[in-house]
Amino acid sequence: MFGPEGPTLRELAVQALSSVEHGYDLLATKFDHTPFRTPDAVLEPVAAVLARLGPVADGLDLCCGTGAGTEVLVRVCRTSVTGVDFSAGMLAVARERVRPAGPRVAWVRGDARALPFAAAFDLVVSFGAFGHFLPRELPGLFARVHSVLRPGGRFVFPVATPPRPATRAYWAQLGFDAVMRVRNAVWRPPFVMYYRAVRLGHVLRELERAGFAVELHALPGLARRADGSPRARLVVARTGVTPPPAP
């Protein structure tokens, strides 16, 4: 599927019946030949916004996969870049593809919900990973990201505008999520990947509760929808806000 270098239908079926971690291990060598990789049409506008925000010393690519977003960080970080992912297979591909001449690059196998770092980064980015987290997991995830950022550091990620009802994309996402919910109800281990489970409003509220000050930026160069609204936005969440005490 997805061309001669992409995975076969059988390979995708085996992945879908695996755990998330093992599924990505299986898909790793062909992942960049699927539409699941964040496209350059999104990566380049994000890189342009990050360049305007100014260079930073140390960056972290959260759920880095095969390193497409890591290459964006390499362009804006002066000292070091770290990619973290829980799939050993995806990290192996990333090590081969990302060979910068600038900042040091390190690869760490780990869970985004239990990041093994202190406050060591000025910038954390993430591309296309939130579908793997249930809404109830966001508070813990954002708290961990906040804890690894230095004061004034930023957590940056793009979010796509949901497709409008009655469009083909809307029904495709709805159908995919429905199939995944049925699969997870009858098969173990679960494979958490939902397009519609995490909504922007919920994300923004949880970021603020975690102690971030949040801004939304338009991504330059991307086509707009028929009503003029952007097809994607960039969330820029800065540390420095004291989170409220736990109830």
Protein backbone atom coordinates (compact mmCIF):
# COMPACT_ATOMS: atom_id res chain seq x y z
CA MET A 1 0.00 0.00 0.00
CA PHE A 2 0.97 3.69 -0.38
CA GLY A 3 3.37 2.82 -3.22
CA PRO A 4 5.98 0.13 -3.89
CA GLU A 5 8.14 1.04 -0.87
CA GLY A 6 5.25 1.27 1.58
CA PRO A 7 3.84 -1.50 3.78
CA THR A 8 1.59 -4.18 2.38
CA LEU A 9 -1.98 -4.61 3.54
CA ARG A 10 -0.90 -7.72 5.45
CA GLU A 11 1.88 -5.80 7.21
CA LEU A 12 -0.56 -3.08 8.24
CA ALA A 13 -2.97 -5.70 9.56
CA VAL A 14 -0.24 -7.33 11.65
CA GLN A 15 0.74 -3.91 13.00
CA ALA A 16 -2.86 -3.07 13.88
CA LEU A 17 -3.17 -6.28 15.91
CA SER A 18 0.03 -5.58 17.85
CA SER A 19 0.73 -3.25 20.76
CA VAL A 20 1.52 0.35 19.83
CA GLU A 21 5.22 -0.14 20.59
CA HIS A 22 5.62 -3.41 18.69
CA GLY A 23 3.43 -2.16 15.87
CA TYR A 24 5.78 0.75 15.23
CA ASP A 25 8.80 -1.54 15.51
CA LEU A 26 7.29 -3.57 12.67
CA LEU A 27 6.43 -0.52 10.54
CA ALA A 28 9.62 1.46 11.19
CA THR A 29 11.58 0.77 7.99
CA LYS A 30 8.56 1.66 5.81
CA PHE A 31 7.02 4.40 7.95
CA ASP A 32 8.42 7.28 5.87
CA HIS A 33 6.62 5.84 2.82
CA THR A 34 3.19 6.13 4.44
CA PRO A 35 0.88 9.15 4.94
CA PHE A 36 1.33 8.74 8.70
CA ARG A 37 4.65 10.62 8.60
CA THR A 38 4.19 14.36 9.14
CA PRO A 39 4.53 15.86 5.64
CA ASP A 40 7.13 18.44 4.68
CA ALA A 41 4.24 20.80 3.91
CA VAL A 42 3.72 20.99 7.69
CA LEU A 43 7.33 20.62 8.86
CA GLU A 44 8.62 23.54 6.78
CA PRO A 45 6.10 26.13 8.07
CA VAL A 46 6.79 25.00 11.64
CA ALA A 47 10.52 25.45 11.04
CA ALA A 48 9.83 28.95 9.70
CA VAL A 49 7.90 29.96 12.83
CA LEU A 50 10.56 28.50 15.13
CA ALA A 51 13.23 30.45 13.24
CA ARG A 52 11.29 33.68 13.89
CA LEU A 53 11.00 32.83 17.59
CA GLY A 54 14.79 32.71 17.72
CA PRO A 55 17.52 30.10 18.12
CA VAL A 56 17.71 28.01 21.28
CA ALA A 57 20.39 25.91 22.91
CA ASP A 58 18.82 22.52 23.59
CA GLY A 59 15.75 20.87 22.04
CA LEU A 60 13.73 17.70 22.55
CA ASP A 61 11.64 15.93 19.91
CA LEU A 62 8.87 14.16 21.84
CA CYS A 63 7.73 10.89 20.22
CA CYS A 64 10.31 11.50 17.50
CA GLY A 65 9.55 8.45 15.36
CA THR A 66 11.93 8.28 12.40
CA GLY A 67 13.26 11.77 13.05
CA ALA A 68 11.39 14.03 10.63
CA GLY A 69 10.70 16.56 13.40
CA THR A 70 14.20 16.10 14.81
CA GLU A 71 15.57 17.52 11.58
CA VAL A 72 13.52 20.65 12.23
CA LEU A 73 15.10 20.99 15.67
CA VAL A 74 18.59 20.57 14.23
CA ARG A 75 18.00 23.76 12.25
CA VAL A 76 17.07 25.91 15.28
CA CYS A 77 19.13 24.46 18.16
CA ARG A 78 22.72 25.54 18.76
CA THR A 79 23.99 22.97 21.26
CA SER A 80 22.04 19.70 21.38
CA VAL A 81 18.99 17.88 20.08
CA THR A 82 17.44 14.80 21.69
CA GLY A 83 14.88 12.49 20.15
CA VAL A 84 12.80 10.31 22.46
CA ASP A 85 10.48 7.49 21.40
CA PHE A 86 9.39 4.18 22.89
CA SER A 87 9.87 2.24 19.63
CA ALA A 88 13.38 0.85 19.22
CA GLY A 89 12.67 0.25 15.54
CA MET A 90 11.72 3.88 14.86
CA LEU A 91 14.79 5.11 16.75
CA ALA A 92 17.04 2.84 14.68
CA VAL A 93 15.71 4.42 11.48
CA ALA A 94 16.10 7.91 12.96
CA ARG A 95 19.75 7.27 13.82
CA GLU A 96 20.45 6.38 10.21
CA ARG A 97 18.62 9.30 8.60
CA VAL A 98 19.56 12.23 10.89
CA ARG A 99 23.28 12.98 10.62
CA PRO A 100 23.72 16.69 11.36
CA ALA A 101 26.94 18.65 11.23
CA GLY A 102 25.74 21.15 13.83
CA PRO A 103 24.31 20.37 17.29
CA ARG A 104 24.92 17.09 19.09
CA VAL A 105 22.12 14.60 18.55
CA ALA A 106 21.15 11.89 21.04
CA TRP A 107 18.45 9.23 20.88
CA VAL A 108 16.66 7.95 23.97
CA ARG A 109 14.19 5.11 24.20
CA GLY A 110 11.53 6.14 26.69
CA ASP A 111 7.87 6.80 27.39
CA ALA A 112 6.66 10.37 26.88
CA ARG A 113 4.56 10.01 30.04
CA ALA A 114 7.66 9.32 32.13
CA LEU A 115 10.42 11.38 30.54
CA PRO A 116 13.84 10.55 32.05
CA PHE A 117 15.14 14.13 32.05
CA ALA A 118 15.50 17.07 34.39
CA ALA A 119 14.83 20.67 33.29
CA ALA A 120 17.36 20.43 30.47
CA PHE A 121 15.61 21.85 27.39
CA ASP A 122 14.65 25.22 25.96
CA LEU A 123 12.31 23.79 23.33
CA VAL A 124 10.17 20.65 23.07
CA VAL A 125 8.40 19.81 19.82
CA SER A 126 6.02 17.02 18.90
CA PHE A 127 4.51 16.04 15.55
CA GLY A 128 1.48 13.82 15.11
CA ALA A 129 1.74 11.99 18.43
CA PHE A 130 -1.34 13.07 20.39
CA GLY A 131 -3.60 10.48 18.81
CA HIS A 132 -1.71 7.91 20.88
CA PHE A 133 -2.80 9.48 24.17
CA LEU A 134 -6.22 9.27 25.74
CA PRO A 135 -7.71 12.56 26.98
CA ARG A 136 -7.24 11.51 30.62
CA GLU A 137 -3.49 11.12 29.99
CA LEU A 138 -2.92 14.71 28.90
CA PRO A 139 -2.54 16.26 32.39
CA GLY A 140 0.30 13.89 33.26
CA LEU A 141 1.90 14.24 29.83
CA PHE A 142 1.88 18.04 29.91
CA ALA A 143 3.15 18.10 33.49
CA ARG A 144 6.13 15.96 32.44
CA VAL A 145 6.87 18.20 29.46
CA HIS A 146 6.70 21.26 31.73
CA SER A 147 9.17 19.62 34.13
CA VAL A 148 11.85 19.06 31.46
CA LEU A 149 11.75 22.67 30.19
CA ARG A 150 13.90 25.44 31.59
CA PRO A 151 12.18 28.67 32.70
CA GLY A 152 10.84 30.43 29.63
CA GLY A 153 11.10 27.27 27.55
CA ARG A 154 8.51 26.41 24.91
CA PHE A 155 6.43 23.36 24.02
CA VAL A 156 5.49 23.63 20.34
CA PHE A 157 3.34 21.40 18.14
CA PRO A 158 1.04 21.77 15.11
CA VAL A 159 -2.65 20.92 15.27
CA ALA A 160 -4.87 20.35 12.25
CA THR A 161 -8.29 21.93 12.05
CA PRO A 162 -10.89 19.13 12.22
CA PRO A 163 -12.58 18.45 8.88
CA ARG A 164 -16.10 19.70 8.49
CA PRO A 165 -19.04 17.26 8.77
CA ALA A 166 -20.17 15.70 5.51
CA THR A 167 -16.67 15.89 4.00
CA ARG A 168 -14.82 12.73 3.00
CA ALA A 169 -12.05 13.42 5.55
CA TYR A 170 -14.60 13.78 8.35
CA TRP A 171 -16.16 10.40 7.65
CA ALA A 172 -12.77 8.77 7.13
CA GLN A 173 -11.61 9.91 10.58
CA LEU A 174 -14.91 8.97 12.19
CA GLY A 175 -14.79 5.53 10.59
CA PHE A 176 -11.16 4.94 11.56
CA ASP A 177 -11.80 5.84 15.20
CA ALA A 178 -14.89 3.61 15.29
CA VAL A 179 -12.90 0.65 13.94
CA MET A 180 -10.13 1.25 16.50
CA ARG A 181 -12.62 1.38 19.36
CA VAL A 182 -14.15 -1.92 18.30
CA ARG A 183 -10.69 -3.45 17.87
CA ASN A 184 -9.63 -2.32 21.35
CA ALA A 185 -12.84 -3.62 22.88
CA VAL A 186 -12.26 -7.16 21.61
CA TRP A 187 -8.49 -7.50 21.22
CA ARG A 188 -5.50 -7.18 23.54
CA PRO A 189 -3.09 -5.50 23.80
CA PRO A 190 -4.83 -2.24 22.85
CA PHE A 191 -3.57 -0.05 20.02
CA VAL A 192 -4.32 3.53 21.01
CA MET A 193 -4.58 5.70 17.92
CA TYR A 194 -7.57 8.01 17.52
CA TYR A 195 -7.94 11.03 15.27
CA ARG A 196 -10.84 12.63 17.11
CA ALA A 197 -10.28 11.78 20.79
CA VAL A 198 -8.15 14.82 21.67
CA ARG A 199 -9.64 18.21 20.78
CA LEU A 200 -7.87 21.56 20.63
CA GLY A 201 -10.01 23.19 23.33
CA HIS A 202 -9.22 20.37 25.76
CA VAL A 203 -5.53 20.53 24.89
CA LEU A 204 -5.38 24.29 25.54
CA ARG A 205 -7.14 23.97 28.90
CA GLU A 206 -4.82 21.21 30.07
CA LEU A 207 -1.74 23.13 28.96
CA GLU A 208 -2.82 26.12 31.02
CA ARG A 209 -3.52 23.90 34.03
CA ALA A 210 -0.02 22.47 33.70
CA GLY A 211 1.46 25.96 34.01
CA PHE A 212 1.89 27.03 30.38
CA ALA A 213 0.99 30.35 28.80
CA VAL A 214 -0.39 29.43 25.39
CA GLU A 215 -0.42 31.19 22.03
CA LEU A 216 -1.73 30.05 18.66
CA HIS A 217 0.19 30.90 15.50
CA ALA A 218 -0.94 30.56 11.90
CA LEU A 219 1.35 28.33 9.85
CA PRO A 220 2.61 30.23 6.79
CA GLY A 221 2.20 28.81 3.32
CA LEU A 222 -0.55 26.31 4.06
CA ALA A 223 -3.77 26.44 2.09
CA ARG A 224 -6.83 27.73 3.91
CA ARG A 225 -10.30 26.25 4.04
CA ALA A 226 -13.13 27.64 1.95
CA ASP A 227 -14.26 29.92 4.80
CA GLY A 228 -10.76 31.40 5.13
CA SER A 229 -9.85 29.63 8.38
CA PRO A 230 -6.42 27.98 8.60
CA ARG A 231 -6.10 24.26 7.95
CA ALA A 232 -3.55 24.01 10.76
CA ARG A 233 -2.26 26.10 13.65
CA LEU A 234 0.89 26.00 15.75
CA VAL A 235 0.48 25.79 19.50
CA VAL A 236 3.28 27.62 21.34
CA ALA A 237 3.12 26.97 25.09
CA ARG A 238 5.66 28.80 27.25
CA THR A 239 6.67 27.94 30.79
CA GLY A 240 6.72 30.56 33.49
CA VAL A 241 3.13 30.35 34.71
CA THR A 242 2.63 28.87 38.16
CA PRO A 243 0.07 26.06 37.94
CA PRO A 244 -2.82 26.23 40.40
CA PRO A 245 -2.64 23.99 43.49
CA ALA A 246 -4.20 20.56 43.17
CA PRO A 247 -7.75 20.42 44.55
